[in-house]
Amino acid sequence: QPGGSLRLSCGASGSTFGINNMGWYRQPPGKQREWVGSIT
């Protein structure tokens, strides 16, 4: 519901050594994908 909270998780596996940045994009309905944020 509006005003509520949600937590997304994303687990990486495989050749994870040397990852520089991780983050999130989103794509609203009928719109282009947009950057949400990142962490170095």
PDB file of all heavy atoms in Angstrom:
ATOM      1  N   GLN A   1       0.827  -1.205   0.000  1.00  0.00           N
ATOM      2  CA  GLN A   1       0.000   0.000   0.000  1.00  0.00           C
ATOM      3  C   GLN A   1       0.864   1.258   0.000  1.00  0.00           C
ATOM      4  O   GLN A   1       2.014   1.220   0.476  1.00  0.00           O
ATOM      5  CB  GLN A   1      -0.907   0.005   1.224  1.00  0.00           C
ATOM      6  CG  GLN A   1      -1.977  -1.075   1.207  1.00  0.00           C
ATOM      7  CD  GLN A   1      -2.966  -0.923   2.343  1.00  0.00           C
ATOM      8  OE1 GLN A   1      -2.694  -0.245   3.323  1.00  0.00           O
ATOM      9  NE2 GLN A   1      -4.118  -1.549   2.200  1.00  0.00           N
ATOM     10  N   PRO A   2       0.346   2.354  -0.505  1.00  0.00           N
ATOM     11  CA  PRO A   2       1.096   3.624  -0.445  1.00  0.00           C
ATOM     12  C   PRO A   2       1.506   3.937   0.987  1.00  0.00           C
ATOM     13  O   PRO A   2       0.717   3.750   1.930  1.00  0.00           O
ATOM     14  CB  PRO A   2       0.092   4.646  -0.971  1.00  0.00           C
ATOM     15  CG  PRO A   2      -0.798   3.863  -1.873  1.00  0.00           C
ATOM     16  CD  PRO A   2      -0.917   2.511  -1.236  1.00  0.00           C
ATOM     17  N   GLY A   3       2.746   4.397   1.135  1.00  0.00           N
ATOM     18  CA  GLY A   3       3.291   4.677   2.456  1.00  0.00           C
ATOM     19  C   GLY A   3       3.981   3.483   3.094  1.00  0.00           C
ATOM     20  O   GLY A   3       4.656   3.632   4.122  1.00  0.00           O
ATOM     21  N   GLY A   4       3.837   2.330   2.489  1.00  0.00           N
ATOM     22  CA  GLY A   4       4.432   1.124   3.036  1.00  0.00           C
ATOM     23  C   GLY A   4       5.876   0.938   2.651  1.00  0.00           C
ATOM     24  O   GLY A   4       6.485   1.811   1.988  1.00  0.00           O
ATOM     25  N   SER A   5       6.426  -0.199   3.067  1.00  0.00           N
ATOM     26  CA  SER A   5       7.834  -0.506   2.821  1.00  0.00           C
ATOM     27  C   SER A   5       7.981  -1.874   2.184  1.00  0.00           C
ATOM     28  O   SER A   5       7.115  -2.745   2.351  1.00  0.00           O
ATOM     29  CB  SER A   5       8.626  -0.479   4.134  1.00  0.00           C
ATOM     30  OG  SER A   5       8.613   0.801   4.731  1.00  0.00           O
ATOM     31  N   LEU A   6       9.085  -2.027   1.487  1.00  0.00           N
ATOM     32  CA  LEU A   6       9.411  -3.294   0.850  1.00  0.00           C
ATOM     33  C   LEU A   6      10.919  -3.386   0.739  1.00  0.00           C
ATOM     34  O   LEU A   6      11.599  -2.357   0.555  1.00  0.00           O
ATOM     35  CB  LEU A   6       8.778  -3.353  -0.541  1.00  0.00           C
ATOM     36  CG  LEU A   6       8.352  -4.705  -1.136  1.00  0.00           C
ATOM     37  CD1 LEU A   6       7.374  -5.424  -0.206  1.00  0.00           C
ATOM     38  CD2 LEU A   6       7.702  -4.480  -2.498  1.00  0.00           C
ATOM     39  N   ARG A   7      11.448  -4.586   0.846  1.00  0.00           N
ATOM     40  CA  ARG A   7      12.886  -4.785   0.726  1.00  0.00           C
ATOM     41  C   ARG A   7      13.180  -5.800  -0.370  1.00  0.00           C
ATOM     42  O   ARG A   7      12.701  -6.940  -0.304  1.00  0.00           O
ATOM     43  CB  ARG A   7      13.480  -5.269   2.046  1.00  0.00           C
ATOM     44  CG  ARG A   7      15.008  -5.272   2.073  1.00  0.00           C
ATOM     45  CD  ARG A   7      15.520  -6.011   3.288  1.00  0.00           C
ATOM     46  NE  ARG A   7      16.904  -5.664   3.601  1.00  0.00           N
ATOM     47  CZ  ARG A   7      17.725  -6.489   4.259  1.00  0.00           C
ATOM     48  NH1 ARG A   7      17.299  -7.669   4.663  1.00  0.00           N
ATOM     49  NH2 ARG A   7      18.959  -6.112   4.522  1.00  0.00           N
ATOM     50  N   LEU A   8      13.958  -5.390  -1.339  1.00  0.00           N
ATOM     51  CA  LEU A   8      14.375  -6.274  -2.412  1.00  0.00           C
ATOM     52  C   LEU A   8      15.791  -6.779  -2.145  1.00  0.00           C
ATOM     53  O   LEU A   8      16.618  -6.055  -1.591  1.00  0.00           O
ATOM     54  CB  LEU A   8      14.342  -5.551  -3.759  1.00  0.00           C
ATOM     55  CG  LEU A   8      13.038  -4.872  -4.160  1.00  0.00           C
ATOM     56  CD1 LEU A   8      13.157  -4.267  -5.552  1.00  0.00           C
ATOM     57  CD2 LEU A   8      11.870  -5.830  -4.089  1.00  0.00           C
ATOM     58  N   SER A   9      16.037  -8.024  -2.556  1.00  0.00           N
ATOM     59  CA  SER A   9      17.362  -8.613  -2.432  1.00  0.00           C
ATOM     60  C   SER A   9      17.826  -9.103  -3.791  1.00  0.00           C
ATOM     61  O   SER A   9      17.012  -9.509  -4.634  1.00  0.00           O
ATOM     62  CB  SER A   9      17.338  -9.791  -1.464  1.00  0.00           C
ATOM     63  OG  SER A   9      16.928  -9.387  -0.182  1.00  0.00           O
ATOM     64  N   CYS A  10      19.118  -9.097  -3.977  1.00  0.00           N
ATOM     65  CA  CYS A  10      19.696  -9.572  -5.228  1.00  0.00           C
ATOM     66  C   CYS A  10      21.006 -10.275  -4.906  1.00  0.00           C
ATOM     67  O   CYS A  10      21.976  -9.621  -4.493  1.00  0.00           O
ATOM     68  CB  CYS A  10      19.927  -8.402  -6.174  1.00  0.00           C
ATOM     69  SG  CYS A  10      20.771  -8.827  -7.708  1.00  0.00           S
ATOM     70  N   GLY A  11      21.020 -11.575  -5.068  1.00  0.00           N
ATOM     71  CA  GLY A  11      22.198 -12.365  -4.766  1.00  0.00           C
ATOM     72  C   GLY A  11      23.025 -12.642  -6.002  1.00  0.00           C
ATOM     73  O   GLY A  11      22.479 -13.061  -7.026  1.00  0.00           O
ATOM     74  N   ALA A  12      24.326 -12.407  -5.876  1.00  0.00           N
ATOM     75  CA  ALA A  12      25.247 -12.650  -6.991  1.00  0.00           C
ATOM     76  C   ALA A  12      26.033 -13.928  -6.753  1.00  0.00           C
ATOM     77  O   ALA A  12      26.465 -14.208  -5.637  1.00  0.00           O
ATOM     78  CB  ALA A  12      26.203 -11.475  -7.145  1.00  0.00           C
ATOM     79  N   SER A  13      26.223 -14.689  -7.808  1.00  0.00           N
ATOM     80  CA  SER A  13      27.026 -15.906  -7.742  1.00  0.00           C
ATOM     81  C   SER A  13      27.858 -16.033  -9.014  1.00  0.00           C
ATOM     82  O   SER A  13      27.659 -15.293  -9.973  1.00  0.00           O
ATOM     83  CB  SER A  13      26.128 -17.134  -7.567  1.00  0.00           C
ATOM     84  OG  SER A  13      25.261 -17.274  -8.669  1.00  0.00           O
ATOM     85  N   GLY A  14      28.795 -16.960  -8.970  1.00  0.00           N
ATOM     86  CA  GLY A  14      29.697 -17.118 -10.106  1.00  0.00           C
ATOM     87  C   GLY A  14      30.989 -16.379  -9.861  1.00  0.00           C
ATOM     88  O   GLY A  14      31.520 -16.384  -8.757  1.00  0.00           O
ATOM     89  N   SER A  15      31.469 -15.670 -10.853  1.00  0.00           N
ATOM     90  CA  SER A  15      32.731 -14.954 -10.772  1.00  0.00           C
ATOM     91  C   SER A  15      32.497 -13.560 -10.196  1.00  0.00           C
ATOM     92  O   SER A  15      32.477 -12.561 -10.908  1.00  0.00           O
ATOM     93  CB  SER A  15      33.359 -14.862 -12.169  1.00  0.00           C
ATOM     94  OG  SER A  15      34.592 -14.182 -12.117  1.00  0.00           O
ATOM     95  N   THR A  16      32.316 -13.493  -8.864  1.00  0.00           N
ATOM     96  CA  THR A  16      31.952 -12.229  -8.226  1.00  0.00           C
ATOM     97  C   THR A  16      33.161 -11.387  -7.817  1.00  0.00           C
ATOM     98  O   THR A  16      32.996 -10.218  -7.474  1.00  0.00           O
ATOM     99  CB  THR A  16      31.072 -12.473  -6.996  1.00  0.00           C
ATOM    100  OG1 THR A  16      31.807 -13.295  -6.077  1.00  0.00           O
ATOM    101  CG2 THR A  16      29.773 -13.162  -7.377  1.00  0.00           C
ATOM    102  N   PHE A  17      34.360 -11.961  -7.857  1.00  0.00           N
ATOM    103  CA  PHE A  17      35.532 -11.179  -7.475  1.00  0.00           C
ATOM    104  C   PHE A  17      35.737 -10.047  -8.464  1.00  0.00           C
ATOM    105  O   PHE A  17      35.690 -10.251  -9.667  1.00  0.00           O
ATOM    106  CB  PHE A  17      36.784 -12.067  -7.447  1.00  0.00           C
ATOM    107  CG  PHE A  17      38.027 -11.318  -7.073  1.00  0.00           C
ATOM    108  CD1 PHE A  17      38.291 -11.009  -5.738  1.00  0.00           C
ATOM    109  CD2 PHE A  17      38.936 -10.880  -8.032  1.00  0.00           C
ATOM    110  CE1 PHE A  17      39.431 -10.308  -5.381  1.00  0.00           C
ATOM    111  CE2 PHE A  17      40.066 -10.187  -7.688  1.00  0.00           C
ATOM    112  CZ  PHE A  17      40.320  -9.898  -6.357  1.00  0.00           C
ATOM    113  N   GLY A  18      35.978  -8.841  -7.940  1.00  0.00           N
ATOM    114  CA  GLY A  18      36.258  -7.714  -8.818  1.00  0.00           C
ATOM    115  C   GLY A  18      35.036  -6.913  -9.243  1.00  0.00           C
ATOM    116  O   GLY A  18      35.139  -6.050 -10.118  1.00  0.00           O
ATOM    117  N   ILE A  19      33.892  -7.177  -8.624  1.00  0.00           N
ATOM    118  CA  ILE A  19      32.706  -6.366  -8.932  1.00  0.00           C
ATOM    119  C   ILE A  19      32.939  -4.943  -8.450  1.00  0.00           C
ATOM    120  O   ILE A  19      33.326  -4.722  -7.304  1.00  0.00           O
ATOM    121  CB  ILE A  19      31.453  -6.955  -8.278  1.00  0.00           C
ATOM    122  CG1 ILE A  19      31.040  -8.251  -8.977  1.00  0.00           C
ATOM    123  CG2 ILE A  19      30.304  -5.949  -8.317  1.00  0.00           C
ATOM    124  CD1 ILE A  19      29.869  -8.952  -8.345  1.00  0.00           C
ATOM    125  N   ASN A  20      32.693  -3.967  -9.322  1.00  0.00           N
ATOM    126  CA  ASN A  20      32.951  -2.569  -8.986  1.00  0.00           C
ATOM    127  C   ASN A  20      31.732  -1.876  -8.391  1.00  0.00           C
ATOM    128  O   ASN A  20      31.848  -1.120  -7.430  1.00  0.00           O
ATOM    129  CB  ASN A  20      33.398  -1.810 -10.242  1.00  0.00           C
ATOM    130  CG  ASN A  20      34.696  -2.352 -10.797  1.00  0.00           C
ATOM    131  OD1 ASN A  20      35.628  -2.616 -10.049  1.00  0.00           O
ATOM    132  ND2 ASN A  20      34.756  -2.534 -12.096  1.00  0.00           N
ATOM    133  N   ASN A  21      30.608  -2.084  -8.992  1.00  0.00           N
ATOM    134  CA  ASN A  21      29.391  -1.405  -8.567  1.00  0.00           C
ATOM    135  C   ASN A  21      28.225  -2.381  -8.587  1.00  0.00           C
ATOM    136  O   ASN A  21      28.189  -3.312  -9.395  1.00  0.00           O
ATOM    137  CB  ASN A  21      29.052  -0.244  -9.502  1.00  0.00           C
ATOM    138  CG  ASN A  21      30.021   0.895  -9.389  1.00  0.00           C
ATOM    139  OD1 ASN A  21      30.028   1.634  -8.420  1.00  0.00           O
ATOM    140  ND2 ASN A  21      30.865   1.038 -10.397  1.00  0.00           N
ATOM    141  N   MET A  22      27.272  -2.145  -7.717  1.00  0.00           N
ATOM    142  CA  MET A  22      26.029  -2.888  -7.700  1.00  0.00           C
ATOM    143  C   MET A  22      24.908  -1.860  -7.569  1.00  0.00           C
ATOM    144  O   MET A  22      25.123  -0.784  -6.982  1.00  0.00           O
ATOM    145  CB  MET A  22      25.985  -3.886  -6.537  1.00  0.00           C
ATOM    146  CG  MET A  22      27.180  -4.822  -6.476  1.00  0.00           C
ATOM    147  SD  MET A  22      27.135  -5.926  -5.050  1.00  0.00           S
ATOM    148  CE  MET A  22      25.970  -7.171  -5.633  1.00  0.00           C
ATOM    149  N   GLY A  23      23.758  -2.192  -8.084  1.00  0.00           N
ATOM    150  CA  GLY A  23      22.680  -1.213  -7.959  1.00  0.00           C
ATOM    151  C   GLY A  23      21.377  -1.699  -8.539  1.00  0.00           C
ATOM    152  O   GLY A  23      21.194  -2.896  -8.781  1.00  0.00           O
ATOM    153  N   TRP A  24      20.495  -0.727  -8.749  1.00  0.00           N
ATOM    154  CA  TRP A  24      19.134  -1.031  -9.190  1.00  0.00           C
ATOM    155  C   TRP A  24      18.661  -0.059 -10.263  1.00  0.00           C
ATOM    156  O   TRP A  24      18.963   1.138 -10.209  1.00  0.00           O
ATOM    157  CB  TRP A  24      18.181  -0.954  -7.987  1.00  0.00           C
ATOM    158  CG  TRP A  24      18.490  -1.943  -6.926  1.00  0.00           C
ATOM    159  CD1 TRP A  24      19.382  -1.800  -5.893  1.00  0.00           C
ATOM    160  CD2 TRP A  24      17.920  -3.240  -6.780  1.00  0.00           C
ATOM    161  NE1 TRP A  24      19.393  -2.930  -5.125  1.00  0.00           N
ATOM    162  CE2 TRP A  24      18.510  -3.829  -5.641  1.00  0.00           C
ATOM    163  CE3 TRP A  24      16.958  -3.965  -7.481  1.00  0.00           C
ATOM    164  CZ2 TRP A  24      18.165  -5.107  -5.201  1.00  0.00           C
ATOM    165  CZ3 TRP A  24      16.621  -5.234  -7.053  1.00  0.00           C
ATOM    166  CH2 TRP A  24      17.230  -5.790  -5.924  1.00  0.00           C
ATOM    167  N   TYR A  25      17.930  -0.606 -11.199  1.00  0.00           N
ATOM    168  CA  TYR A  25      17.146   0.154 -12.154  1.00  0.00           C
ATOM    169  C   TYR A  25      15.690  -0.263 -11.960  1.00  0.00           C
ATOM    170  O   TYR A  25      15.399  -1.265 -11.299  1.00  0.00           O
ATOM    171  CB  TYR A  25      17.559  -0.188 -13.593  1.00  0.00           C
ATOM    172  CG  TYR A  25      18.696   0.625 -14.149  1.00  0.00           C
ATOM    173  CD1 TYR A  25      20.003   0.394 -13.730  1.00  0.00           C
ATOM    174  CD2 TYR A  25      18.478   1.613 -15.103  1.00  0.00           C
ATOM    175  CE1 TYR A  25      21.058   1.130 -14.257  1.00  0.00           C
ATOM    176  CE2 TYR A  25      19.529   2.349 -15.637  1.00  0.00           C
ATOM    177  CZ  TYR A  25      20.810   2.097 -15.213  1.00  0.00           C
ATOM    178  OH  TYR A  25      21.853   2.822 -15.743  1.00  0.00           O
ATOM    179  N   ARG A  26      14.800   0.509 -12.571  1.00  0.00           N
ATOM    180  CA  ARG A  26      13.397   0.101 -12.593  1.00  0.00           C
ATOM    181  C   ARG A  26      12.752   0.521 -13.907  1.00  0.00           C
ATOM    182  O   ARG A  26      13.206   1.466 -14.546  1.00  0.00           O
ATOM    183  CB  ARG A  26      12.633   0.700 -11.408  1.00  0.00           C
ATOM    184  CG  ARG A  26      12.473   2.223 -11.460  1.00  0.00           C
ATOM    185  CD  ARG A  26      11.803   2.719 -10.189  1.00  0.00           C
ATOM    186  NE  ARG A  26      11.616   4.178 -10.211  1.00  0.00           N
ATOM    187  CZ  ARG A  26      11.134   4.864  -9.182  1.00  0.00           C
ATOM    188  NH1 ARG A  26      10.793   4.252  -8.058  1.00  0.00           N
ATOM    189  NH2 ARG A  26      10.981   6.175  -9.279  1.00  0.00           N
ATOM    190  N   GLN A  27      11.704  -0.178 -14.274  1.00  0.00           N
ATOM    191  CA  GLN A  27      10.968   0.154 -15.484  1.00  0.00           C
ATOM    192  C   GLN A  27       9.494   0.234 -15.179  1.00  0.00           C
ATOM    193  O   GLN A  27       8.812  -0.790 -15.012  1.00  0.00           O
ATOM    194  CB  GLN A  27      11.213  -0.892 -16.575  1.00  0.00           C
ATOM    195  CG  GLN A  27      10.606  -0.511 -17.912  1.00  0.00           C
ATOM    196  CD  GLN A  27      11.164  -1.310 -19.062  1.00  0.00           C
ATOM    197  OE1 GLN A  27      11.787  -2.351 -18.864  1.00  0.00           O
ATOM    198  NE2 GLN A  27      10.965  -0.837 -20.275  1.00  0.00           N
ATOM    199  N   PRO A  28       8.967   1.467 -15.063  1.00  0.00           N
ATOM    200  CA  PRO A  28       7.533   1.634 -14.830  1.00  0.00           C
ATOM    201  C   PRO A  28       6.742   1.169 -16.053  1.00  0.00           C
ATOM    202  O   PRO A  28       7.287   1.146 -17.173  1.00  0.00           O
ATOM    203  CB  PRO A  28       7.385   3.139 -14.610  1.00  0.00           C
ATOM    204  CG  PRO A  28       8.755   3.632 -14.271  1.00  0.00           C
ATOM    205  CD  PRO A  28       9.678   2.748 -15.033  1.00  0.00           C
ATOM    206  N   PRO A  29       5.484   0.839 -15.879  1.00  0.00           N
ATOM    207  CA  PRO A  29       4.683   0.373 -17.019  1.00  0.00           C
ATOM    208  C   PRO A  29       4.604   1.427 -18.117  1.00  0.00           C
ATOM    209  O   PRO A  29       4.291   2.591 -17.855  1.00  0.00           O
ATOM    210  CB  PRO A  29       3.308   0.088 -16.389  1.00  0.00           C
ATOM    211  CG  PRO A  29       3.316   0.741 -15.055  1.00  0.00           C
ATOM    212  CD  PRO A  29       4.715   0.813 -14.615  1.00  0.00           C
ATOM    213  N   GLY A  30       4.919   1.027 -19.337  1.00  0.00           N
ATOM    214  CA  GLY A  30       4.854   1.916 -20.477  1.00  0.00           C
ATOM    215  C   GLY A  30       5.975   2.929 -20.582  1.00  0.00           C
ATOM    216  O   GLY A  30       5.925   3.820 -21.447  1.00  0.00           O
ATOM    217  N   LYS A  31       6.987   2.806 -19.717  1.00  0.00           N
ATOM    218  CA  LYS A  31       8.087   3.776 -19.725  1.00  0.00           C
ATOM    219  C   LYS A  31       9.428   3.068 -19.898  1.00  0.00           C
ATOM    220  O   LYS A  31       9.519   1.852 -19.811  1.00  0.00           O
ATOM    221  CB  LYS A  31       8.090   4.598 -18.435  1.00  0.00           C
ATOM    222  CG  LYS A  31       6.839   5.427 -18.231  1.00  0.00           C
ATOM    223  CD  LYS A  31       6.934   6.268 -16.968  1.00  0.00           C
ATOM    224  CE  LYS A  31       5.691   7.111 -16.768  1.00  0.00           C
ATOM    225  NZ  LYS A  31       5.776   7.942 -15.531  1.00  0.00           N
ATOM    226  N   GLN A  32      10.464   3.878 -20.103  1.00  0.00           N
ATOM    227  CA  GLN A  32      11.797   3.316 -20.259  1.00  0.00           C
ATOM    228  C   GLN A  32      12.404   2.970 -18.904  1.00  0.00           C
ATOM    229  O   GLN A  32      11.993   3.502 -17.865  1.00  0.00           O
ATOM    230  CB  GLN A  32      12.687   4.318 -20.997  1.00  0.00           C
ATOM    231  CG  GLN A  32      12.311   4.522 -22.461  1.00  0.00           C
ATOM    232  CD  GLN A  32      13.335   5.350 -23.205  1.00  0.00           C
ATOM    233  OE1 GLN A  32      14.107   6.086 -22.603  1.00  0.00           O
ATOM    234  NE2 GLN A  32      13.344   5.223 -24.518  1.00  0.00           N
ATOM    235  N   ARG A  33      13.385   2.106 -18.949  1.00  0.00           N
ATOM    236  CA  ARG A  33      14.092   1.736 -17.727  1.00  0.00           C
ATOM    237  C   ARG A  33      14.840   2.951 -17.202  1.00  0.00           C
ATOM    238  O   ARG A  33      15.463   3.694 -17.969  1.00  0.00           O
ATOM    239  CB  ARG A  33      15.065   0.588 -18.017  1.00  0.00           C
ATOM    240  CG  ARG A  33      15.632  -0.075 -16.790  1.00  0.00           C
ATOM    241  CD  ARG A  33      16.467  -1.287 -17.143  1.00  0.00           C
ATOM    242  NE  ARG A  33      15.689  -2.352 -17.768  1.00  0.00           N
ATOM    243  CZ  ARG A  33      16.144  -3.590 -17.940  1.00  0.00           C
ATOM    244  NH1 ARG A  33      17.371  -3.904 -17.553  1.00  0.00           N
ATOM    245  NH2 ARG A  33      15.393  -4.496 -18.524  1.00  0.00           N
ATOM    246  N   GLU A  34      14.812   3.154 -15.877  1.00  0.00           N
ATOM    247  CA  GLU A  34      15.482   4.299 -15.258  1.00  0.00           C
ATOM    248  C   GLU A  34      16.329   3.836 -14.090  1.00  0.00           C
ATOM    249  O   GLU A  34      15.998   2.888 -13.378  1.00  0.00           O
ATOM    250  CB  GLU A  34      14.449   5.329 -14.781  1.00  0.00           C
ATOM    251  CG  GLU A  34      13.472   4.826 -13.747  1.00  0.00           C
ATOM    252  CD  GLU A  34      12.372   5.827 -13.405  1.00  0.00           C
ATOM    253  OE1 GLU A  34      12.035   6.658 -14.255  1.00  0.00           O
ATOM    254  OE2 GLU A  34      11.862   5.764 -12.268  1.00  0.00           O
ATOM    255  N   TRP A  35      17.410   4.546 -13.899  1.00  0.00           N
ATOM    256  CA  TRP A  35      18.338   4.229 -12.821  1.00  0.00           C
ATOM    257  C   TRP A  35      17.738   4.646 -11.485  1.00  0.00           C
ATOM    258  O   TRP A  35      17.161   5.727 -11.346  1.00  0.00           O
ATOM    259  CB  TRP A  35      19.656   4.954 -13.073  1.00  0.00           C
ATOM    260  CG  TRP A  35      20.689   4.813 -12.023  1.00  0.00           C
ATOM    261  CD1 TRP A  35      21.463   3.733 -11.761  1.00  0.00           C
ATOM    262  CD2 TRP A  35      21.091   5.829 -11.087  1.00  0.00           C
ATOM    263  NE1 TRP A  35      22.327   4.002 -10.725  1.00  0.00           N
ATOM    264  CE2 TRP A  35      22.118   5.285 -10.293  1.00  0.00           C
ATOM    265  CE3 TRP A  35      20.696   7.138 -10.851  1.00  0.00           C
ATOM    266  CZ2 TRP A  35      22.747   5.997  -9.281  1.00  0.00           C
ATOM    267  CZ3 TRP A  35      21.324   7.860  -9.852  1.00  0.00           C
ATOM    268  CH2 TRP A  35      22.331   7.287  -9.070  1.00  0.00           C
ATOM    269  N   VAL A  36      17.888   3.789 -10.482  1.00  0.00           N
ATOM    270  CA  VAL A  36      17.377   4.060  -9.140  1.00  0.00           C
ATOM    271  C   VAL A  36      18.510   4.476  -8.201  1.00  0.00           C
ATOM    272  O   VAL A  36      18.421   5.466  -7.470  1.00  0.00           O
ATOM    273  CB  VAL A  36      16.660   2.829  -8.568  1.00  0.00           C
ATOM    274  CG1 VAL A  36      16.273   3.040  -7.107  1.00  0.00           C
ATOM    275  CG2 VAL A  36      15.432   2.491  -9.412  1.00  0.00           C
ATOM    276  N   GLY A  37      19.583   3.695  -8.196  1.00  0.00           N
ATOM    277  CA  GLY A  37      20.695   3.998  -7.315  1.00  0.00           C
ATOM    278  C   GLY A  37      21.756   2.930  -7.407  1.00  0.00           C
ATOM    279  O   GLY A  37      21.552   1.882  -8.030  1.00  0.00           O
ATOM    280  N   SER A  38      22.888   3.192  -6.755  1.00  0.00           N
ATOM    281  CA  SER A  38      24.000   2.259  -6.828  1.00  0.00           C
ATOM    282  C   SER A  38      24.864   2.355  -5.586  1.00  0.00           C
ATOM    283  O   SER A  38      24.765   3.309  -4.798  1.00  0.00           O
ATOM    284  CB  SER A  38      24.853   2.540  -8.067  1.00  0.00           C
ATOM    285  OG  SER A  38      25.414   3.837  -7.992  1.00  0.00           O
ATOM    286  N   ILE A  39      25.720   1.348  -5.413  1.00  0.00           N
ATOM    287  CA  ILE A  39      26.673   1.325  -4.320  1.00  0.00           C
ATOM    288  C   ILE A  39      27.995   0.805  -4.873  1.00  0.00           C
ATOM    289  O   ILE A  39      28.025  -0.177  -5.627  1.00  0.00           O
ATOM    290  CB  ILE A  39      26.158   0.454  -3.149  1.00  0.00           C
ATOM    291  CG1 ILE A  39      27.104   0.535  -1.953  1.00  0.00           C
ATOM    292  CG2 ILE A  39      25.894  -0.984  -3.578  1.00  0.00           C
ATOM    293  CD1 ILE A  39      26.488  -0.036  -0.670  1.00  0.00           C
ATOM    294  N   THR A  40      29.073   1.472  -4.506  1.00  0.00           N
ATOM    295  CA  THR A  40      30.381   1.049  -4.987  1.00  0.00           C
ATOM    296  C   THR A  40      30.965  -0.034  -4.082  1.00  0.00           C
ATOM    297  O   THR A  40      30.422  -0.329  -3.005  1.00  0.00           O
ATOM    298  CB  THR A  40      31.357   2.232  -5.037  1.00  0.00           C
ATOM    299  OG1 THR A  40      31.651   2.635  -3.682  1.00  0.00           O
ATOM    300  CG2 THR A  40      30.775   3.401  -5.799  1.00  0.00           C
TER     301      THR A  40
END
